[in-house]
Amino acid sequence: MKSHPVSIKVFVEPMFGENSFLVCAQADGDQVGWVIDPSFSPHVNRLIDYAREHRVQVEKIIVTHGHGDHIAGIDAVQSAFPDAALLIAAEDEPMLRDPELNLSAPFGVDVRVMSRVAEHLQPGMELQLGPTKWQVLDTSGHSPGGRSLYCAEAGVVIVGDALFAGSIGRTDFPGSDHRRLLSNIRTHLLTLPGDTIVHCGHGPTTTIENERKSNPFLADETR
């Protein structure tokens, strides 16, 4: 039986229930990986410790969107893996250093990321992790620069807070756009194969087919 091309380890931050991911693949006998949406310390340390224990060469830190609970651990990961390149959409980059924009200030946390952005995530660009290719999808609407990462070979999509099991991302935040989010979900997510596993920014995994059939927020989008 052919082995799965990637492994995805989820680390749940308890305060906000945010899902951080360590995505790994084999490359020339080594294990390479991406950290996606690292959250608050000390819980991000579990992710770092796991990556070190399993000798993962972390190549990238990828941010699906710039809200505080998805960016708070960036500097810790960057410190642990100095060669990891930070990627985020240009539209959300200002959130990294502004606690009002990243919505951490109302919680009294004041998240400010000091790490330098190496590259902007643009819709349609392709990223490579080991032998696997990942397409960057525009799923903005929850935030101005929301992005998802789709790997056809692995049959998975990592969507941040665009789509949840039975729900969608909130659009009552500054910079949110409800119509844009629904349009992007319909155009870029619901068109994926139905058995695609959806890794969400909060809560359990789901599949594209499940959300087509039963997500009440998308009822009008799937007829």
Protein backbone atom coordinates (compact mmCIF):
# COMPACT_ATOMS: atom_id res chain seq x y z
CA MET A 1 0.00 0.00 0.00
CA LYS A 2 1.32 3.43 -0.93
CA SER A 3 2.15 5.57 2.09
CA HIS A 4 0.42 8.89 2.62
CA PRO A 5 2.58 11.71 1.21
CA VAL A 6 2.24 13.99 4.24
CA SER A 7 1.61 13.78 7.96
CA ILE A 8 -0.32 16.50 9.76
CA LYS A 9 0.03 16.90 13.53
CA VAL A 10 -2.47 19.20 15.23
CA PHE A 11 -1.70 21.22 18.37
CA VAL A 12 -4.73 22.79 20.04
CA GLU A 13 -4.27 26.04 21.98
CA PRO A 14 -6.75 25.80 24.87
CA MET A 15 -7.61 29.46 25.48
CA PHE A 16 -9.09 30.04 22.01
CA GLY A 17 -9.27 26.44 20.83
CA GLU A 18 -7.04 27.36 17.90
CA ASN A 19 -5.51 24.59 15.78
CA SER A 20 -1.82 24.92 14.91
CA PHE A 21 -0.33 22.45 12.45
CA LEU A 22 2.98 20.77 11.81
CA VAL A 23 2.84 19.41 8.26
CA CYS A 24 5.64 17.02 7.34
CA ALA A 25 6.89 15.13 4.28
CA GLN A 26 9.92 13.03 3.43
CA ALA A 27 12.60 14.52 1.18
CA ASP A 28 15.76 12.55 0.34
CA GLY A 29 15.53 10.63 3.59
CA ASP A 30 14.97 13.72 5.72
CA GLN A 31 11.74 14.92 7.27
CA VAL A 32 10.88 18.47 6.21
CA GLY A 33 7.99 20.48 7.52
CA TRP A 34 5.91 23.61 7.75
CA VAL A 35 4.47 25.18 10.87
CA ILE A 36 1.06 26.67 10.13
CA ASP A 37 -0.62 29.24 12.40
CA PRO A 38 1.49 28.88 15.57
CA SER A 39 -0.43 30.14 18.59
CA PHE A 40 0.26 31.31 22.13
CA SER A 41 3.07 30.24 24.43
CA PRO A 42 3.58 28.04 26.32
CA HIS A 43 1.47 25.77 24.13
CA VAL A 44 3.48 26.49 20.97
CA ASN A 45 6.41 24.93 22.83
CA ARG A 46 4.71 21.54 22.49
CA LEU A 47 4.85 21.94 18.72
CA ILE A 48 8.49 23.03 18.81
CA ASP A 49 9.47 20.17 21.09
CA TYR A 50 7.68 17.66 18.86
CA ALA A 51 9.42 18.99 15.75
CA ARG A 52 12.81 18.77 17.45
CA GLU A 53 12.15 15.31 18.87
CA HIS A 54 11.20 14.00 15.41
CA ARG A 55 14.05 15.87 13.72
CA VAL A 56 11.78 17.87 11.43
CA GLN A 57 13.57 20.45 9.32
CA VAL A 58 11.10 23.33 9.51
CA GLU A 59 11.33 25.18 6.22
CA LYS A 60 8.41 27.58 6.47
CA ILE A 61 6.08 29.27 8.93
CA ILE A 62 2.82 29.83 7.05
CA VAL A 63 0.00 32.04 8.32
CA THR A 64 -3.51 31.53 6.94
CA HIS A 65 -4.59 34.92 8.31
CA GLY A 66 -3.37 37.56 10.71
CA HIS A 67 -5.57 37.27 13.79
CA GLY A 68 -3.74 37.10 17.11
CA ASP A 69 -4.48 33.50 18.00
CA HIS A 70 -2.97 32.35 14.67
CA ILE A 71 0.23 34.41 14.85
CA ALA A 72 1.19 34.59 18.53
CA GLY A 73 3.77 31.79 18.33
CA ILE A 74 5.58 32.95 15.18
CA ASP A 75 8.56 34.48 16.98
CA ALA A 76 9.00 31.39 19.18
CA VAL A 77 9.06 29.12 16.13
CA GLN A 78 11.38 31.49 14.27
CA SER A 79 13.75 31.49 17.24
CA ALA A 80 13.75 27.70 17.38
CA PHE A 81 14.15 27.32 13.60
CA PRO A 82 15.99 30.42 12.34
CA ASP A 83 16.05 29.26 8.71
CA ALA A 84 12.26 28.97 8.49
CA ALA A 85 10.76 31.51 6.09
CA LEU A 86 7.63 33.40 7.20
CA LEU A 87 4.80 33.61 4.67
CA ILE A 88 1.55 35.59 4.96
CA ALA A 89 -0.70 37.45 2.54
CA ALA A 90 0.32 41.08 1.97
CA GLU A 91 -3.14 42.24 3.00
CA ASP A 92 -2.75 40.68 6.46
CA GLU A 93 0.91 41.53 7.07
CA PRO A 94 0.05 44.78 8.95
CA MET A 95 -1.78 42.65 11.53
CA LEU A 96 1.49 41.06 12.64
CA ARG A 97 2.62 44.19 14.46
CA ASP A 98 -0.68 45.85 15.37
CA PRO A 99 -2.64 44.40 18.34
CA GLU A 100 -5.74 46.37 17.33
CA LEU A 101 -5.73 44.97 13.81
CA ASN A 102 -4.99 41.40 14.91
CA LEU A 103 -7.73 41.64 17.57
CA SER A 104 -5.48 40.67 20.47
CA ALA A 105 -5.71 44.07 22.19
CA PRO A 106 -9.33 43.61 23.35
CA PHE A 107 -8.19 40.49 25.22
CA GLY A 108 -5.32 42.35 26.88
CA VAL A 109 -2.69 40.22 25.15
CA ASP A 110 -1.16 42.69 22.65
CA VAL A 111 0.38 40.28 20.15
CA ARG A 112 3.24 41.84 18.17
CA VAL A 113 5.30 39.69 15.81
CA MET A 114 8.87 40.81 15.19
CA SER A 115 9.90 38.17 12.64
CA ARG A 116 10.47 39.39 9.09
CA VAL A 117 8.11 38.28 6.33
CA ALA A 118 10.05 36.46 3.62
CA GLU A 119 7.30 36.08 1.02
CA HIS A 120 3.67 37.02 0.48
CA LEU A 121 1.06 34.33 -0.14
CA GLN A 122 -0.60 35.09 -3.45
CA PRO A 123 -3.60 33.18 -4.80
CA GLY A 124 -2.56 30.69 -7.44
CA MET A 125 1.05 30.36 -6.30
CA GLU A 126 2.40 26.86 -5.72
CA LEU A 127 4.48 25.82 -2.73
CA GLN A 128 6.49 22.61 -2.48
CA LEU A 129 6.98 20.52 0.63
CA GLY A 130 9.23 17.58 -0.12
CA PRO A 131 7.66 15.84 -3.12
CA THR A 132 4.22 17.39 -2.57
CA LYS A 133 2.79 20.50 -4.20
CA TRP A 134 0.41 22.88 -2.44
CA GLN A 135 -1.79 25.46 -4.11
CA VAL A 136 -2.50 28.76 -2.37
CA LEU A 137 -6.23 29.58 -2.52
CA ASP A 138 -7.92 32.93 -1.93
CA THR A 139 -10.31 32.43 0.97
CA SER A 140 -10.33 36.04 2.14
CA GLY A 141 -13.43 37.46 3.80
CA HIS A 142 -12.89 36.51 7.42
CA SER A 143 -9.79 38.66 7.08
CA PRO A 144 -8.62 40.76 4.11
CA GLY A 145 -5.87 38.30 3.20
CA GLY A 146 -7.20 34.92 4.24
CA ARG A 147 -5.54 32.02 2.43
CA SER A 148 -5.98 28.25 2.28
CA LEU A 149 -3.46 25.58 1.30
CA TYR A 150 -4.59 22.67 -0.88
CA CYS A 151 -2.61 19.53 -1.64
CA ALA A 152 -4.31 17.35 -4.25
CA GLU A 153 -1.83 14.48 -3.73
CA ALA A 154 -2.67 14.29 -0.04
CA GLY A 155 -6.36 15.12 -0.48
CA VAL A 156 -6.26 17.82 2.20
CA VAL A 157 -6.92 21.54 2.47
CA ILE A 158 -5.92 23.73 5.42
CA VAL A 159 -8.39 26.60 5.59
CA GLY A 160 -7.67 28.70 8.67
CA ASP A 161 -10.89 30.35 9.81
CA ALA A 162 -12.61 30.48 6.41
CA LEU A 163 -14.62 27.28 6.85
CA PHE A 164 -15.53 25.12 9.83
CA ALA A 165 -17.47 21.91 10.34
CA GLY A 166 -21.02 23.23 10.04
CA SER A 167 -20.04 26.89 10.04
CA ILE A 168 -17.95 29.62 8.42
CA GLY A 169 -15.60 32.29 9.71
CA ARG A 170 -16.97 35.35 11.46
CA THR A 171 -17.38 38.41 9.28
CA ASP A 172 -18.21 41.03 11.91
CA PHE A 173 -14.56 41.99 12.42
CA PRO A 174 -12.83 45.06 10.96
CA GLY A 175 -11.71 44.19 7.42
CA SER A 176 -14.12 41.26 7.12
CA ASP A 177 -16.41 40.87 4.11
CA HIS A 178 -19.26 38.37 4.33
CA ARG A 179 -20.09 38.29 0.61
CA ARG A 180 -16.44 37.85 -0.32
CA LEU A 181 -16.01 34.97 2.12
CA LEU A 182 -19.05 33.13 0.79
CA SER A 183 -17.96 33.72 -2.80
CA ASN A 184 -14.45 32.43 -2.11
CA ILE A 185 -15.73 29.36 -0.26
CA ARG A 186 -18.04 28.57 -3.17
CA THR A 187 -15.40 29.20 -5.85
CA HIS A 188 -12.24 27.86 -4.27
CA LEU A 189 -13.27 25.31 -1.62
CA LEU A 190 -16.60 23.73 -2.58
CA THR A 191 -15.19 22.99 -6.04
CA LEU A 192 -12.53 20.68 -4.56
CA PRO A 193 -13.12 16.90 -4.63
CA GLY A 194 -15.78 15.90 -2.12
CA ASP A 195 -13.51 13.57 -0.16
CA THR A 196 -10.96 16.33 0.49
CA ILE A 197 -10.23 16.51 4.22
CA VAL A 198 -10.67 20.02 5.59
CA HIS A 199 -8.36 21.04 8.45
CA CYS A 200 -9.97 24.03 10.14
CA GLY A 201 -8.50 26.75 12.33
CA HIS A 202 -10.80 25.73 15.19
CA GLY A 203 -12.71 22.56 15.90
CA PRO A 204 -12.67 19.16 14.18
CA THR A 205 -11.80 18.20 10.63
CA THR A 206 -14.55 17.80 8.08
CA THR A 207 -14.79 17.08 4.35
CA ILE A 208 -15.80 19.20 1.41
CA GLU A 209 -18.75 16.88 0.72
CA ASN A 210 -20.00 17.16 4.30
CA GLU A 211 -20.00 20.94 4.06
CA ARG A 212 -21.68 20.93 0.64
CA LYS A 213 -24.50 18.80 2.04
CA SER A 214 -25.00 20.04 5.57
CA ASN A 215 -23.39 23.40 6.28
CA PRO A 216 -26.35 25.71 6.99
CA PHE A 217 -24.35 28.82 6.13
CA LEU A 218 -23.72 27.47 2.63
CA ALA A 219 -27.20 26.17 1.85
CA ASP A 220 -27.82 28.78 -0.82
CA GLU A 221 -24.32 28.26 -2.19
CA THR A 222 -24.68 24.55 -2.88
CA ARG A 223 -28.01 24.33 -4.69
